[in-house]
C-alpha atoms as a PDB file:
ATOM      1  CA  UNK A   1     -14.875  -8.373  -8.551  1.00  0.00           C
ATOM      2  CA  UNK A   2     -14.907  -7.372  -4.890  1.00  0.00           C
ATOM      3  CA  UNK A   3     -14.315  -9.767  -2.034  1.00  0.00           C
ATOM      4  CA  UNK A   4     -17.488 -10.779  -0.242  1.00  0.00           C
ATOM      5  CA  UNK A   5     -17.312 -10.662   3.545  1.00  0.00           C
ATOM      6  CA  UNK A   6     -20.019 -12.475   5.466  1.00  0.00           C
ATOM      7  CA  UNK A   7     -21.477 -10.551   8.384  1.00  0.00           C
ATOM      8  CA  UNK A   8     -21.005 -13.571  10.633  1.00  0.00           C
ATOM      9  CA  UNK A   9     -17.272 -13.708  10.043  1.00  0.00           C
ATOM     10  CA  UNK A  10     -15.138 -12.417  12.859  1.00  0.00           C
ATOM     11  CA  UNK A  11     -11.657 -10.965  12.560  1.00  0.00           C
ATOM     12  CA  UNK A  12      -9.425 -12.741  15.105  1.00  0.00           C
ATOM     13  CA  UNK A  13      -6.945 -10.376  16.696  1.00  0.00           C
ATOM     14  CA  UNK A  14      -9.316  -7.434  16.397  1.00  0.00           C
ATOM     15  CA  UNK A  15     -11.903  -8.808  18.840  1.00  0.00           C
ATOM     16  CA  UNK A  16     -10.714  -6.675  21.755  1.00  0.00           C
ATOM     17  CA  UNK A  17     -11.691  -3.584  19.827  1.00  0.00           C
ATOM     18  CA  UNK A  18      -9.841  -0.302  19.260  1.00  0.00           C
ATOM     19  CA  UNK A  19      -7.329   1.116  19.630  1.00  0.00           C
ATOM     20  CA  UNK A  20      -5.325  -1.330  17.496  1.00  0.00           C
ATOM     21  CA  UNK A  21      -1.533  -1.257  17.540  1.00  0.00           C
ATOM     22  CA  UNK A  22       0.634  -1.837  14.450  1.00  0.00           C
ATOM     23  CA  UNK A  23       4.429  -2.096  14.587  1.00  0.00           C
ATOM     24  CA  UNK A  24       6.877  -2.293  11.674  1.00  0.00           C
ATOM     25  CA  UNK A  25       8.420  -0.199   8.899  1.00  0.00           C
ATOM     26  CA  UNK A  26       6.977   1.748   5.991  1.00  0.00           C
ATOM     27  CA  UNK A  27       7.724   3.812   2.904  1.00  0.00           C
ATOM     28  CA  UNK A  28       5.464   6.797   2.221  1.00  0.00           C
ATOM     29  CA  UNK A  29       5.845   8.208  -1.293  1.00  0.00           C
ATOM     30  CA  UNK A  30       4.098  11.324  -2.578  1.00  0.00           C
ATOM     31  CA  UNK A  31       3.130  11.704  -6.245  1.00  0.00           C
ATOM     32  CA  UNK A  32       1.592  14.476  -8.313  1.00  0.00           C
ATOM     33  CA  UNK A  33      -1.770  12.957  -9.275  1.00  0.00           C
ATOM     34  CA  UNK A  34      -4.134  14.496 -11.800  1.00  0.00           C
ATOM     35  CA  UNK A  35      -7.125  15.919  -9.979  1.00  0.00           C
ATOM     36  CA  UNK A  36      -9.663  14.336 -12.329  1.00  0.00           C
ATOM     37  CA  UNK A  37      -8.259  10.857 -11.606  1.00  0.00           C
ATOM     38  CA  UNK A  38      -8.196  11.469  -7.852  1.00  0.00           C
ATOM     39  CA  UNK A  39     -11.698  12.932  -7.863  1.00  0.00           C
ATOM     40  CA  UNK A  40     -13.119   9.729  -9.364  1.00  0.00           C
ATOM     41  CA  UNK A  41     -12.349   7.951  -6.063  1.00  0.00           C
ATOM     42  CA  UNK A  42     -13.669  10.652  -3.753  1.00  0.00           C
ATOM     43  CA  UNK A  43     -17.335  11.200  -2.797  1.00  0.00           C
ATOM     44  CA  UNK A  44     -18.845  14.294  -4.335  1.00  0.00           C
ATOM     45  CA  UNK A  45     -19.646  15.789  -0.942  1.00  0.00           C
ATOM     46  CA  UNK A  46     -15.948  15.985  -0.060  1.00  0.00           C
ATOM     47  CA  UNK A  47     -13.546  18.619  -1.394  1.00  0.00           C
ATOM     48  CA  UNK A  48     -10.272  17.612  -3.024  1.00  0.00           C
ATOM     49  CA  UNK A  49      -7.191  19.650  -2.100  1.00  0.00           C
ATOM     50  CA  UNK A  50      -5.739  20.609  -5.479  1.00  0.00           C
ATOM     51  CA  UNK A  51      -3.708  23.219  -7.323  1.00  0.00           C
ATOM     52  CA  UNK A  52      -3.179  23.668 -11.074  1.00  0.00           C
ATOM     53  CA  UNK A  53      -5.076  20.463 -11.813  1.00  0.00           C
ATOM     54  CA  UNK A  54      -3.076  18.224  -9.453  1.00  0.00           C
ATOM     55  CA  UNK A  55      -3.291  16.852  -5.926  1.00  0.00           C
ATOM     56  CA  UNK A  56      -0.855  14.958  -3.688  1.00  0.00           C
ATOM     57  CA  UNK A  57      -1.377  11.205  -3.866  1.00  0.00           C
ATOM     58  CA  UNK A  58       0.997   8.277  -4.044  1.00  0.00           C
ATOM     59  CA  UNK A  59       1.287   5.181  -1.893  1.00  0.00           C
ATOM     60  CA  UNK A  60       2.077   3.826   1.565  1.00  0.00           C
ATOM     61  CA  UNK A  61       4.023   0.540   1.564  1.00  0.00           C
ATOM     62  CA  UNK A  62       4.278  -1.123   4.968  1.00  0.00           C
ATOM     63  CA  UNK A  63       5.548  -4.307   6.533  1.00  0.00           C
ATOM     64  CA  UNK A  64       3.966  -4.966   9.925  1.00  0.00           C
ATOM     65  CA  UNK A  65       5.814  -7.444  12.120  1.00  0.00           C
ATOM     66  CA  UNK A  66       3.257  -7.083  14.910  1.00  0.00           C
ATOM     67  CA  UNK A  67      -0.427  -6.252  14.492  1.00  0.00           C
ATOM     68  CA  UNK A  68      -3.878  -7.601  15.396  1.00  0.00           C
ATOM     69  CA  UNK A  69      -3.663  -9.655  12.166  1.00  0.00           C
ATOM     70  CA  UNK A  70      -0.088 -10.803  12.815  1.00  0.00           C
ATOM     71  CA  UNK A  71       2.691 -10.164  10.294  1.00  0.00           C
ATOM     72  CA  UNK A  72       1.572  -8.852   6.917  1.00  0.00           C
ATOM     73  CA  UNK A  73       2.419  -6.489   4.054  1.00  0.00           C
ATOM     74  CA  UNK A  74       0.243  -3.580   2.978  1.00  0.00           C
ATOM     75  CA  UNK A  75       0.142  -1.283  -0.036  1.00  0.00           C
ATOM     76  CA  UNK A  76      -2.238   1.672   0.207  1.00  0.00           C
ATOM     77  CA  UNK A  77      -2.798   3.534  -3.072  1.00  0.00           C
ATOM     78  CA  UNK A  78      -3.504   7.153  -2.114  1.00  0.00           C
ATOM     79  CA  UNK A  79      -5.697   9.012  -4.586  1.00  0.00           C
ATOM     80  CA  UNK A  80      -5.159  12.461  -3.101  1.00  0.00           C
ATOM     81  CA  UNK A  81      -5.774  14.794  -0.186  1.00  0.00           C
ATOM     82  CA  UNK A  82      -9.278  15.817   0.871  1.00  0.00           C
ATOM     83  CA  UNK A  83     -10.442  18.494   3.258  1.00  0.00           C
ATOM     84  CA  UNK A  84     -11.647  17.090   6.565  1.00  0.00           C
ATOM     85  CA  UNK A  85     -12.112  20.263   8.655  1.00  0.00           C
ATOM     86  CA  UNK A  86     -10.268  21.465  10.566  1.00  0.00           C
ATOM     87  CA  UNK A  87      -7.498  19.515   8.791  1.00  0.00           C
ATOM     88  CA  UNK A  88      -7.075  17.358   5.691  1.00  0.00           C
ATOM     89  CA  UNK A  89      -6.493  13.621   5.205  1.00  0.00           C
ATOM     90  CA  UNK A  90      -5.167  11.195   2.608  1.00  0.00           C
ATOM     91  CA  UNK A  91      -7.828   9.263   0.686  1.00  0.00           C
ATOM     92  CA  UNK A  92      -7.255   5.548   0.036  1.00  0.00           C
ATOM     93  CA  UNK A  93      -8.150   4.499  -3.501  1.00  0.00           C
ATOM     94  CA  UNK A  94      -7.197   0.848  -3.031  1.00  0.00           C
ATOM     95  CA  UNK A  95      -5.676  -1.213  -0.233  1.00  0.00           C
ATOM     96  CA  UNK A  96      -3.707  -4.416  -0.900  1.00  0.00           C
ATOM     97  CA  UNK A  97      -2.819  -6.781   1.966  1.00  0.00           C
ATOM     98  CA  UNK A  98      -1.511 -10.336   2.107  1.00  0.00           C
ATOM     99  CA  UNK A  99      -3.703 -11.156   5.091  1.00  0.00           C
ATOM    100  CA  UNK A 100      -7.328 -12.300   4.855  1.00  0.00           C
ATOM    101  CA  UNK A 101      -7.873 -11.159   8.447  1.00  0.00           C
ATOM    102  CA  UNK A 102      -6.655  -7.627   7.691  1.00  0.00           C
ATOM    103  CA  UNK A 103      -8.701  -7.532   4.477  1.00  0.00           C
ATOM    104  CA  UNK A 104     -11.928  -8.583   6.199  1.00  0.00           C
ATOM    105  CA  UNK A 105     -11.410  -6.114   9.017  1.00  0.00           C
ATOM    106  CA  UNK A 106     -10.594  -3.257   6.638  1.00  0.00           C
ATOM    107  CA  UNK A 107     -13.725  -3.835   4.586  1.00  0.00           C
ATOM    108  CA  UNK A 108     -16.214  -4.629   7.322  1.00  0.00           C
ATOM    109  CA  UNK A 109     -15.167  -2.328  10.155  1.00  0.00           C
ATOM    110  CA  UNK A 110     -13.199   0.529   8.568  1.00  0.00           C
ATOM    111  CA  UNK A 111     -14.850   0.877   5.147  1.00  0.00           C
ATOM    112  CA  UNK A 112     -11.564   0.509   3.260  1.00  0.00           C
ATOM    113  CA  UNK A 113     -11.397  -0.719  -0.367  1.00  0.00           C
ATOM    114  CA  UNK A 114      -9.280  -3.678   0.755  1.00  0.00           C
ATOM    115  CA  UNK A 115      -8.187  -6.577  -1.464  1.00  0.00           C
ATOM    116  CA  UNK A 116      -6.087  -9.660  -0.839  1.00  0.00           C
ATOM    117  CA  UNK A 117      -2.767  -9.599  -2.697  1.00  0.00           C
ATOM    118  CA  UNK A 118       0.532 -11.421  -3.048  1.00  0.00           C
ATOM    119  CA  UNK A 119       3.779  -9.522  -2.388  1.00  0.00           C
ATOM    120  CA  UNK A 120       6.681 -11.182  -4.227  1.00  0.00           C
ATOM    121  CA  UNK A 121      10.095  -9.825  -3.226  1.00  0.00           C
ATOM    122  CA  UNK A 122      13.304 -10.375  -5.148  1.00  0.00           C
ATOM    123  CA  UNK A 123      16.712  -8.851  -5.834  1.00  0.00           C
ATOM    124  CA  UNK A 124      17.584  -7.404  -9.223  1.00  0.00           C
ATOM    125  CA  UNK A 125      20.034  -9.270 -11.460  1.00  0.00           C
ATOM    126  CA  UNK A 126      22.641  -6.556 -10.877  1.00  0.00           C
ATOM    127  CA  UNK A 127      22.692  -7.352  -7.153  1.00  0.00           C
ATOM    128  CA  UNK A 128      25.754  -8.970  -5.583  1.00  0.00           C
ATOM    129  CA  UNK A 129      25.610 -11.160  -2.516  1.00  0.00           C
ATOM    130  CA  UNK A 130      26.927  -9.913   0.815  1.00  0.00           C
ATOM    131  CA  UNK A 131      30.531 -10.751   1.619  1.00  0.00           C
ATOM    132  CA  UNK A 132      32.921  -9.822   4.406  1.00  0.00           C
ATOM    133  CA  UNK A 133      34.378  -7.143   2.105  1.00  0.00           C
ATOM    134  CA  UNK A 134      30.906  -5.822   1.253  1.00  0.00           C
ATOM    135  CA  UNK A 135      28.986  -5.875   4.545  1.00  0.00           C
ATOM    136  CA  UNK A 136      25.371  -4.941   4.888  1.00  0.00           C
ATOM    137  CA  UNK A 137      24.661  -1.479   6.146  1.00  0.00           C
ATOM    138  CA  UNK A 138      23.370  -1.235   9.684  1.00  0.00           C
ATOM    139  CA  UNK A 139      20.849   1.357   8.469  1.00  0.00           C
ATOM    140  CA  UNK A 140      18.905  -0.940   6.102  1.00  0.00           C
ATOM    141  CA  UNK A 141      16.012  -1.267   8.525  1.00  0.00           C
ATOM    142  CA  UNK A 142      13.248  -1.193   5.949  1.00  0.00           C
ATOM    143  CA  UNK A 143      14.895  -3.857   3.777  1.00  0.00           C
ATOM    144  CA  UNK A 144      15.389  -6.022   6.829  1.00  0.00           C
ATOM    145  CA  UNK A 145      11.806  -5.585   7.944  1.00  0.00           C
ATOM    146  CA  UNK A 146      10.412  -6.768   4.611  1.00  0.00           C
ATOM    147  CA  UNK A 147      12.703  -9.776   4.590  1.00  0.00           C
ATOM    148  CA  UNK A 148      15.107  -8.842   1.806  1.00  0.00           C
ATOM    149  CA  UNK A 149      18.286  -7.361   3.298  1.00  0.00           C
ATOM    150  CA  UNK A 150      19.741 -10.659   4.458  1.00  0.00           C
ATOM    151  CA  UNK A 151      20.479 -11.617   0.869  1.00  0.00           C
ATOM    152  CA  UNK A 152      20.904  -8.249  -0.884  1.00  0.00           C
ATOM    153  CA  UNK A 153      23.492  -5.681  -0.010  1.00  0.00           C
ATOM    154  CA  UNK A 154      24.946  -3.956  -3.052  1.00  0.00           C
ATOM    155  CA  UNK A 155      24.318  -0.202  -2.599  1.00  0.00           C
ATOM    156  CA  UNK A 156      23.957   0.217  -6.352  1.00  0.00           C
ATOM    157  CA  UNK A 157      21.466  -2.592  -6.786  1.00  0.00           C
ATOM    158  CA  UNK A 158      17.717  -2.653  -6.469  1.00  0.00           C
ATOM    159  CA  UNK A 159      15.123  -4.905  -5.022  1.00  0.00           C
ATOM    160  CA  UNK A 160      11.709  -5.475  -6.514  1.00  0.00           C
ATOM    161  CA  UNK A 161       8.320  -6.031  -4.949  1.00  0.00           C
ATOM    162  CA  UNK A 162       5.675  -7.344  -7.329  1.00  0.00           C
ATOM    163  CA  UNK A 163       2.151  -6.810  -6.056  1.00  0.00           C
ATOM    164  CA  UNK A 164      -0.454  -9.185  -7.466  1.00  0.00           C
ATOM    165  CA  UNK A 165      -4.114  -8.876  -6.550  1.00  0.00           C
ATOM    166  CA  UNK A 166      -5.882 -12.170  -5.820  1.00  0.00           C
ATOM    167  CA  UNK A 167      -9.611 -12.524  -6.508  1.00  0.00           C
ATOM    168  CA  UNK A 168     -10.913 -16.030  -6.095  1.00  0.00           C
ATOM    169  CA  UNK A 169      -8.894 -18.171  -8.504  1.00  0.00           C
ATOM    170  CA  UNK A 170      -7.704 -15.190 -10.556  1.00  0.00           C
ATOM    171  CA  UNK A 171      -4.430 -13.316 -10.101  1.00  0.00           C
ATOM    172  CA  UNK A 172      -3.957  -9.828 -11.530  1.00  0.00           C
ATOM    173  CA  UNK A 173      -0.603  -8.036 -11.636  1.00  0.00           C
ATOM    174  CA  UNK A 174      -1.010  -4.570 -10.165  1.00  0.00           C
ATOM    175  CA  UNK A 175       2.504  -3.106 -10.167  1.00  0.00           C
ATOM    176  CA  UNK A 176       6.224  -3.601  -9.638  1.00  0.00           C
ATOM    177  CA  UNK A 177       7.881  -1.436  -6.981  1.00  0.00           C
ATOM    178  CA  UNK A 178      11.604  -1.037  -7.585  1.00  0.00           C
ATOM    179  CA  UNK A 179      13.448   0.164  -4.478  1.00  0.00           C
ATOM    180  CA  UNK A 180      17.029   1.380  -4.981  1.00  0.00           C
ATOM    181  CA  UNK A 181      18.989   0.153  -1.995  1.00  0.00           C
ATOM    182  CA  UNK A 182      21.221   3.203  -1.949  1.00  0.00           C
ATOM    183  CA  UNK A 183      18.114   5.058  -0.816  1.00  0.00           C
ATOM    184  CA  UNK A 184      17.623   2.697   2.102  1.00  0.00           C
ATOM    185  CA  UNK A 185      21.248   1.994   2.998  1.00  0.00           C
ATOM    186  CA  UNK A 186      23.874   4.405   4.302  1.00  0.00           C
ATOM    187  CA  UNK A 187      26.976   5.323   2.322  1.00  0.00           C
ATOM    188  CA  UNK A 188      28.921   5.751   5.559  1.00  0.00           C
ATOM    189  CA  UNK A 189      28.560   5.092   9.251  1.00  0.00           C
ATOM    190  CA  UNK A 190      27.786   8.805   9.641  1.00  0.00           C
ATOM    191  CA  UNK A 191      24.626   8.622   7.540  1.00  0.00           C
ATOM    192  CA  UNK A 192      21.856  10.517   9.320  1.00  0.00           C
ATOM    193  CA  UNK A 193      19.009   8.149  10.088  1.00  0.00           C
ATOM    194  CA  UNK A 194      16.641  10.879  11.132  1.00  0.00           C
ATOM    195  CA  UNK A 195      15.131  12.030  14.401  1.00  0.00           C
ATOM    196  CA  UNK A 196      13.094   9.774  16.622  1.00  0.00           C
ATOM    197  CA  UNK A 197       9.606  11.284  16.711  1.00  0.00           C
ATOM    198  CA  UNK A 198       7.293  10.125  19.474  1.00  0.00           C
ATOM    199  CA  UNK A 199       3.610  10.933  19.315  1.00  0.00           C
ATOM    200  CA  UNK A 200       0.492   9.274  20.659  1.00  0.00           C
ATOM    201  CA  UNK A 201      -0.307   8.396  17.055  1.00  0.00           C
ATOM    202  CA  UNK A 202       2.172   7.266  15.825  1.00  0.00           C
ATOM    203  CA  UNK A 203       5.816   7.159  16.960  1.00  0.00           C
ATOM    204  CA  UNK A 204       8.552   6.474  14.437  1.00  0.00           C
ATOM    205  CA  UNK A 205      12.033   7.209  13.132  1.00  0.00           C
ATOM    206  CA  UNK A 206      11.975   8.940   9.764  1.00  0.00           C
ATOM    207  CA  UNK A 207      14.327  10.057   6.982  1.00  0.00           C
ATOM    208  CA  UNK A 208      14.008  11.130   3.358  1.00  0.00           C
ATOM    209  CA  UNK A 209      15.007   8.542   0.742  1.00  0.00           C
ATOM    210  CA  UNK A 210      15.156   8.296  -3.036  1.00  0.00           C
ATOM    211  CA  UNK A 211      11.670   7.631  -4.489  1.00  0.00           C
ATOM    212  CA  UNK A 212      10.931   4.107  -5.626  1.00  0.00           C
ATOM    213  CA  UNK A 213      10.319   3.444  -9.313  1.00  0.00           C
ATOM    214  CA  UNK A 214       6.900   2.034 -10.193  1.00  0.00           C
ATOM    215  CA  UNK A 215       6.005   0.076 -13.305  1.00  0.00           C
ATOM    216  CA  UNK A 216       2.575  -1.191 -14.274  1.00  0.00           C
ATOM    217  CA  UNK A 217       1.571  -4.720 -15.291  1.00  0.00           C
ATOM    218  CA  UNK A 218       2.938  -5.940 -18.632  1.00  0.00           C
ATOM    219  CA  UNK A 219       0.783  -9.005 -19.175  1.00  0.00           C
ATOM    220  CA  UNK A 220      -2.441 -10.452 -17.869  1.00  0.00           C
ATOM    221  CA  UNK A 221      -1.845 -13.265 -15.391  1.00  0.00           C
ATOM    222  CA  UNK A 222      -3.654 -16.562 -15.832  1.00  0.00           C
ATOM    223  CA  UNK A 223      -6.051 -17.852 -13.208  1.00  0.00           C
ATOM    224  CA  UNK A 224      -6.028 -21.366 -11.854  1.00  0.00           C
ATOM    225  CA  UNK A 225      -8.770 -22.244 -14.337  1.00  0.00           C
ATOM    226  CA  UNK A 226      -6.824 -20.943 -17.320  1.00  0.00           C
ATOM    227  CA  UNK A 227      -8.673 -17.632 -17.705  1.00  0.00           C
ATOM    228  CA  UNK A 228      -6.905 -14.286 -17.721  1.00  0.00           C
ATOM    229  CA  UNK A 229      -8.148 -11.210 -15.892  1.00  0.00           C
ATOM    230  CA  UNK A 230      -9.365  -9.927 -19.248  1.00  0.00           C
ATOM    231  CA  UNK A 231     -11.624 -12.961 -19.571  1.00  0.00           C
ATOM    232  CA  UNK A 232     -13.696 -13.069 -16.370  1.00  0.00           C
ATOM    233  CA  UNK A 233     -16.640 -15.380 -15.845  1.00  0.00           C
ATOM    234  CA  UNK A 234     -20.017 -13.969 -14.857  1.00  0.00           C
ATOM    235  CA  UNK A 235     -23.549 -15.263 -14.489  1.00  0.00           C
ATOM    236  CA  UNK A 236     -25.650 -12.113 -14.836  1.00  0.00           C
ATOM    237  CA  UNK A 237     -25.671  -8.536 -16.081  1.00  0.00           C
ATOM    238  CA  UNK A 238     -24.993  -7.414 -12.504  1.00  0.00           C
ATOM    239  CA  UNK A 239     -21.845  -9.554 -12.469  1.00  0.00           C
ATOM    240  CA  UNK A 240     -20.782  -8.042 -15.795  1.00  0.00           C
ATOM    241  CA  UNK A 241     -21.279  -4.498 -14.500  1.00  0.00           C
ATOM    242  CA  UNK A 242     -19.294  -5.373 -11.367  1.00  0.00           C
ATOM    243  CA  UNK A 243     -16.409  -6.665 -13.495  1.00  0.00           C
ATOM    244  CA  UNK A 244     -16.313  -3.524 -15.648  1.00  0.00           C
ATOM    245  CA  UNK A 245     -16.508  -1.260 -12.573  1.00  0.00           C
ATOM    246  CA  UNK A 246     -13.735  -3.176 -10.811  1.00  0.00           C
ATOM    247  CA  UNK A 247     -11.530  -3.110 -13.924  1.00  0.00           C
ATOM    248  CA  UNK A 248     -12.016   0.661 -14.170  1.00  0.00           C
ATOM    249  CA  UNK A 249     -11.142   1.158 -10.501  1.00  0.00           C
ATOM    250  CA  UNK A 250      -8.064  -1.025 -10.884  1.00  0.00           C
ATOM    251  CA  UNK A 251      -6.868   0.893 -13.956  1.00  0.00           C
ATOM    252  CA  UNK A 252      -7.336   4.233 -12.193  1.00  0.00           C
ATOM    253  CA  UNK A 253      -5.411   2.931  -9.171  1.00  0.00           C
ATOM    254  CA  UNK A 254      -2.551   1.945 -11.481  1.00  0.00           C
ATOM    255  CA  UNK A 255      -2.659   5.467 -12.979  1.00  0.00           C
ATOM    256  CA  UNK A 256      -2.127   6.900  -9.497  1.00  0.00           C
ATOM    257  CA  UNK A 257       0.883   4.642  -8.924  1.00  0.00           C
ATOM    258  CA  UNK A 258       2.377   5.587 -12.304  1.00  0.00           C
ATOM    259  CA  UNK A 259       2.040   9.333 -11.694  1.00  0.00           C
ATOM    260  CA  UNK A 260       5.119  11.514 -11.095  1.00  0.00           C
ATOM    261  CA  UNK A 261       6.908  10.825  -7.769  1.00  0.00           C
ATOM    262  CA  UNK A 262       8.222  13.872  -5.927  1.00  0.00           C
ATOM    263  CA  UNK A 263       9.220  12.799  -2.428  1.00  0.00           C
ATOM    264  CA  UNK A 264       9.617   9.676  -0.280  1.00  0.00           C
ATOM    265  CA  UNK A 265       9.999   9.055   3.439  1.00  0.00           C
ATOM    266  CA  UNK A 266      11.174   5.900   5.170  1.00  0.00           C
ATOM    267  CA  UNK A 267       9.665   5.110   8.579  1.00  0.00           C
ATOM    268  CA  UNK A 268      11.499   2.737  10.911  1.00  0.00           C
ATOM    269  CA  UNK A 269      10.513   1.620  14.415  1.00  0.00           C
ATOM    270  CA  UNK A 270       6.951   2.536  13.496  1.00  0.00           C
ATOM    271  CA  UNK A 271       4.358   2.199  16.255  1.00  0.00           C
ATOM    272  CA  UNK A 272       0.945   3.183  14.990  1.00  0.00           C
ATOM    273  CA  UNK A 273      -2.120   3.236  17.199  1.00  0.00           C
ATOM    274  CA  UNK A 274      -5.347   3.164  15.189  1.00  0.00           C
ATOM    275  CA  UNK A 275      -8.549   4.287  16.863  1.00  0.00           C
ATOM    276  CA  UNK A 276     -12.074   3.462  15.796  1.00  0.00           C
ATOM    277  CA  UNK A 277     -12.923   5.127  12.445  1.00  0.00           C
ATOM    278  CA  UNK A 278     -15.370   7.989  12.109  1.00  0.00           C
ATOM    279  CA  UNK A 279     -17.635   8.237   9.085  1.00  0.00           C
ATOM    280  CA  UNK A 280     -16.917  11.231   6.875  1.00  0.00           C
ATOM    281  CA  UNK A 281     -19.035  10.191   3.882  1.00  0.00           C
ATOM    282  CA  UNK A 282     -21.798   7.635   3.355  1.00  0.00           C
ATOM    283  CA  UNK A 283     -21.904   6.111  -0.132  1.00  0.00           C
ATOM    284  CA  UNK A 284     -24.435   3.675  -1.552  1.00  0.00           C
ATOM    285  CA  UNK A 285     -21.778   1.083  -2.399  1.00  0.00           C
ATOM    286  CA  UNK A 286     -19.538   1.507   0.628  1.00  0.00           C
ATOM    287  CA  UNK A 287     -19.030   3.306   3.888  1.00  0.00           C
ATOM    288  CA  UNK A 288     -15.983   5.514   3.709  1.00  0.00           C
ATOM    289  CA  UNK A 289     -14.299   6.393   6.951  1.00  0.00           C
ATOM    290  CA  UNK A 290     -11.400   8.318   8.374  1.00  0.00           C
ATOM    291  CA  UNK A 291      -9.210   6.575  10.921  1.00  0.00           C
END
């Protein structure tokens, strides 16, 4: 079920109003997403950019070390690309953050489908610890930003990020993101990091990397009260409909993540200025905006 946000609740850190500044690192990965799946997230009055039954979706995985909500992780599931004349924009199907402040602000003020989540980071069993003979690469900025590179350094290993959505006392596994470190670490000191690109929104240093591997949940996680996600509690028919709708949205979001990856970009030294959103579509259940 969705997270309720009281109108009286404020979002500390956002009180000064836009523009809001976010600093950190991110991985932007493009997938080929079936148009019919993407279209289920997009209002009917907006046009999906598609060809041969597919659109460009994927995900945006970020670690912000400075933001109005402080340090937090974010996973944005991107359903596809929609026309927003005179340009186009990526459409967020689901947003996972490990910050209640960021979640409240995203829902109340930006119209994002935000949910609180847990980001569990670990090294794969094949990983070896750093030694003087096997030093960490100086180009592992993204790993360092998400708090993993200090313990993992083998260029042939992987590190995993398990994203678990938290709803009340229930925890639901969403996905595992497996990042090969040879994509994020250099094989020599001459590895090209990429050009520094400075724009008013945003500035960053970017380079292409090997796409991350995504796997879906294998088992239903138990809640604190002993129920699994497949056994929710509800008090009315409206609650039951909400549960079924949320389950369907979650499953479609997982389908987007499991679609075919085609390209990935790593952003370091990211400085992103976010202005106040503008409404591009008004829906009965939510206000969808473009920021």
